[in-house]
Protein backbone atom coordinates (compact mmCIF):
# COMPACT_ATOMS: atom_id res chain seq x y z
CA MET A 1 59.01 64.70 120.25
CA GLY A 2 61.64 67.66 120.14
CA ALA A 3 64.64 67.49 118.51
CA PRO A 4 67.42 65.43 120.10
CA PHE A 5 69.77 66.77 123.26
CA ARG A 6 73.43 67.66 122.54
CA GLY A 7 75.95 68.54 125.01
CA ARG A 8 76.88 67.62 128.35
CA VAL A 9 74.13 67.13 131.04
CA THR A 10 75.28 66.97 134.61
CA ALA A 11 73.21 65.04 137.22
CA ASP A 12 72.49 68.64 138.58
CA HIS A 13 71.14 70.00 135.18
CA PHE A 14 69.25 67.13 134.60
CA GLU A 15 67.22 67.34 137.84
CA ALA A 16 66.99 70.92 137.88
CA ARG A 17 65.26 70.54 134.35
CA ALA A 18 63.61 67.61 135.63
CA ALA A 19 61.71 69.51 138.29
CA THR A 20 60.45 72.42 135.64
CA GLY A 21 59.30 69.76 133.10
CA THR A 22 62.15 70.89 130.64
CA ALA A 23 64.29 67.99 130.63
CA PRO A 24 65.92 66.59 127.71
CA ARG A 25 64.77 63.25 126.27
CA VAL A 26 67.87 61.22 126.55
CA SER A 27 67.43 57.75 124.35
CA VAL A 28 70.56 55.80 126.13
CA ALA A 29 70.70 56.67 129.48
CA PRO A 30 74.49 57.87 131.09
CA ALA A 31 76.23 55.81 133.59
CA TRP A 32 75.13 58.34 136.36
CA LEU A 33 71.93 58.49 135.44
CA THR A 34 71.31 54.92 137.03
CA VAL A 35 69.11 54.02 140.47
CA VAL A 36 71.74 53.90 143.29
CA THR A 37 70.99 52.99 146.95
CA SER A 38 72.35 53.45 150.28
CA TRP A 39 73.73 50.44 152.17
CA GLN A 40 71.64 49.90 154.52
CA GLU A 41 68.75 49.68 151.63
CA PHE A 42 71.31 47.07 149.41
CA SER A 43 71.32 45.06 153.21
CA ALA A 44 67.44 44.97 152.82
CA GLN A 45 67.44 43.99 149.06
CA ALA A 46 69.75 41.45 149.62
CA PRO A 47 70.07 40.34 153.27
CA GLU A 48 72.54 37.04 152.74
CA LEU A 49 74.71 38.75 149.58
CA ALA A 50 75.23 41.84 152.12
CA VAL A 51 76.74 39.88 154.96
CA ARG A 52 79.22 38.09 152.79
CA VAL A 53 80.23 41.50 151.17
CA ALA A 54 80.89 42.82 154.33
CA GLU A 55 82.43 39.75 156.15
CA ARG A 56 85.22 40.19 152.68
CA PHE A 57 85.28 43.90 153.69
CA ASP A 58 85.91 43.34 157.20
CA ALA A 59 88.58 40.55 156.31
CA HIS A 60 91.26 43.41 155.33
CA ARG A 61 91.77 47.02 156.40
CA HIS A 62 92.95 48.13 153.23
CA LYS A 63 90.59 47.98 150.03
CA THR A 64 91.45 48.74 146.40
CA MET A 65 89.41 52.07 145.06
CA ALA A 66 89.33 52.50 141.25
CA THR A 67 88.56 56.25 140.14
CA ILE A 68 88.45 57.81 136.93
CA ARG A 69 91.33 60.47 136.14
CA PRO A 70 90.91 63.60 134.18
CA ASP A 71 92.37 61.92 130.52
CA GLY A 72 89.75 58.89 131.20
CA SER A 73 92.09 56.44 132.11
CA PRO A 74 92.11 54.30 135.20
CA ARG A 75 93.51 55.48 138.97
CA ILE A 76 93.66 52.55 141.54
CA SER A 77 93.98 54.05 145.29
CA GLY A 78 94.47 51.47 148.14
CA THR A 79 91.92 53.01 150.84
CA GLU A 80 89.99 51.89 153.81
CA VAL A 81 86.19 51.56 153.37
CA PRO A 82 84.22 51.71 156.72
CA ILE A 83 80.66 50.95 156.46
CA LYS A 84 78.65 52.96 158.92
CA LEU A 85 75.36 54.43 159.91
CA GLY A 86 73.65 52.12 156.94
CA GLN A 87 76.16 54.02 154.56
CA VAL A 88 79.45 53.02 152.53
CA TYR A 89 81.95 55.40 153.46
CA LEU A 90 85.21 57.00 151.84
CA GLY A 91 87.37 59.60 153.81
CA GLY A 92 90.57 61.00 153.42
CA MET A 93 92.85 63.98 153.94
CA THR A 94 91.98 67.04 152.28
CA GLY A 95 93.13 67.57 148.46
CA ASN A 96 93.81 64.07 147.76
CA LYS A 97 93.78 63.06 143.71
CA ARG A 98 91.15 60.35 144.14
CA PHE A 99 88.65 62.54 145.71
CA ALA A 100 89.24 65.30 142.80
CA ASP A 101 88.37 62.03 140.57
CA LEU A 102 85.15 61.44 142.51
CA ARG A 103 84.46 65.47 142.08
CA ARG A 104 84.54 65.32 138.45
CA ASP A 105 83.06 62.07 138.17
CA PRO A 106 81.19 60.09 140.37
CA ARG A 107 81.55 56.59 139.40
CA VAL A 108 83.67 54.18 141.76
CA ALA A 109 84.71 50.46 142.32
CA ILE A 110 85.99 48.98 145.15
CA HIS A 111 87.75 45.37 145.63
CA SER A 112 88.19 43.77 149.35
CA GLY A 113 91.36 42.54 148.86
CA SER A 114 92.13 39.19 148.43
CA ASP A 115 93.69 36.04 150.51
CA ASP A 116 96.50 34.23 148.96
CA PRO A 117 95.51 31.13 146.69
CA GLU A 118 95.81 28.58 149.42
CA VAL A 119 93.75 30.25 152.12
CA TRP A 120 91.54 32.26 149.80
CA THR A 121 87.93 32.30 150.91
CA GLY A 122 86.30 35.08 148.39
CA ASP A 123 86.66 38.42 147.51
CA ALA A 124 83.89 40.90 147.30
CA LYS A 125 83.08 44.20 144.89
CA ILE A 126 81.10 47.04 145.14
CA ALA A 127 80.48 49.53 142.40
CA GLY A 128 78.41 53.06 142.62
CA ARG A 129 78.22 56.84 142.60
CA ALA A 130 80.33 58.75 145.29
CA VAL A 131 78.44 61.56 146.71
CA GLU A 132 80.55 64.49 148.68
CA VAL A 133 79.70 64.91 152.09
CA SER A 134 79.44 68.62 152.98
CA ASP A 135 76.82 68.19 155.77
CA GLU A 136 79.13 69.22 159.13
CA LYS A 137 76.13 67.24 161.19
CA GLU A 138 76.77 63.82 158.81
CA LYS A 139 80.28 64.21 159.35
CA ALA A 140 80.38 64.44 162.94
CA ALA A 141 78.56 61.59 163.21
CA PHE A 142 80.84 59.98 160.77
CA ARG A 143 83.83 61.10 163.17
CA ASP A 144 81.85 59.70 165.96
CA ALA A 145 81.05 56.23 164.44
CA ALA A 146 84.44 55.75 162.82
CA GLU A 147 87.21 53.94 164.79
CA GLU A 148 89.74 56.17 163.50
CA VAL A 149 89.31 59.57 161.79
CA PRO A 150 92.53 61.72 162.25
CA PRO A 151 92.14 65.27 164.19
CA GLY A 152 91.34 68.75 161.64
CA ASP A 153 89.36 68.88 158.60
CA PHE A 154 88.96 65.47 156.35
CA GLU A 155 87.20 64.90 153.10
CA LEU A 156 84.30 62.56 152.84
CA PHE A 157 82.13 60.63 150.22
CA ARG A 158 78.94 58.32 150.53
CA VAL A 159 78.89 55.81 148.01
CA GLU A 160 75.45 55.06 146.77
CA LEU A 161 75.84 51.57 145.25
CA THR A 162 74.34 50.36 141.97
CA GLU A 163 76.22 46.63 142.22
CA ALA A 164 77.34 44.27 144.65
CA VAL A 165 79.67 41.26 143.78
CA VAL A 166 80.94 38.22 145.64
CA VAL A 167 83.23 35.70 144.22
CA ARG A 168 83.58 32.56 146.42
CA LEU A 169 84.21 28.98 146.32
CA SER A 170 81.70 26.37 146.64
CA GLU A 171 81.83 23.99 149.29
CA GLU A 172 83.11 21.37 147.79
CA ARG A 173 86.04 23.81 146.40
CA ASP A 174 85.87 22.65 142.77
CA ARG A 175 84.07 25.85 141.07
CA LEU A 176 83.65 29.22 141.22
CA LEU A 177 80.05 30.72 142.63
CA ILE A 178 79.75 34.55 141.40
CA ASP A 179 76.73 36.25 143.40
CA VAL A 180 75.80 39.59 141.30
CA TRP A 181 73.24 42.02 142.76
CA ARG A 182 72.51 45.29 140.72
CA GLU A 183 70.04 47.78 142.33
CA GLY A 184 66.37 46.88 142.25
CA GLY A 185 67.33 43.33 140.90
CA PRO A 186 67.45 40.22 142.43
CA VAL A 187 70.88 38.21 143.63
CA ARG A 188 71.95 36.02 140.60
CA THR A 189 74.69 33.38 141.00
CA HIS A 190 76.78 32.22 138.09
CA VAL A 191 78.62 29.17 138.45
CA ARG A 192 82.40 28.62 136.83
CA ARG A 193 84.27 25.05 136.63
């Protein structure tokens, strides 16, 4: 067993070192090292939950997205989150702060939006790692598939999912049902009264 690794490890650094067999031993995996999956893979692993998440995301055009600012505090941004081509995408004008946040720390959480209490049917949340799309072919395919992409340059990120959650009411409307999926695991439902 070698000496413990000290210092900051980026995903690129770890992947390059892993390819050469010189990756540092990590006793506690950093958050970005979790397994991630595309929307298409999530839908195959948890089809019923994926339908519920998509329904909640389709119910409101604007979602709320959380990123991490340079000082470590949270940033909340309104955004559209199209699910296209088997992927969850985040797109927008160039130079915005939320995308700068994602380049520095790719962790992201997105909330579907809520209805007023008297008509509330549930909320959905997803979390994962945002990966910047720089491939012009993928950006062109997204532009073709999306309903609205303004002309000109835009920034695009793909969200690789690590978690999906739907909070909903039971049919009797007397308790909350919280469906939770984490990559590689089964969907678990928690009941709250």
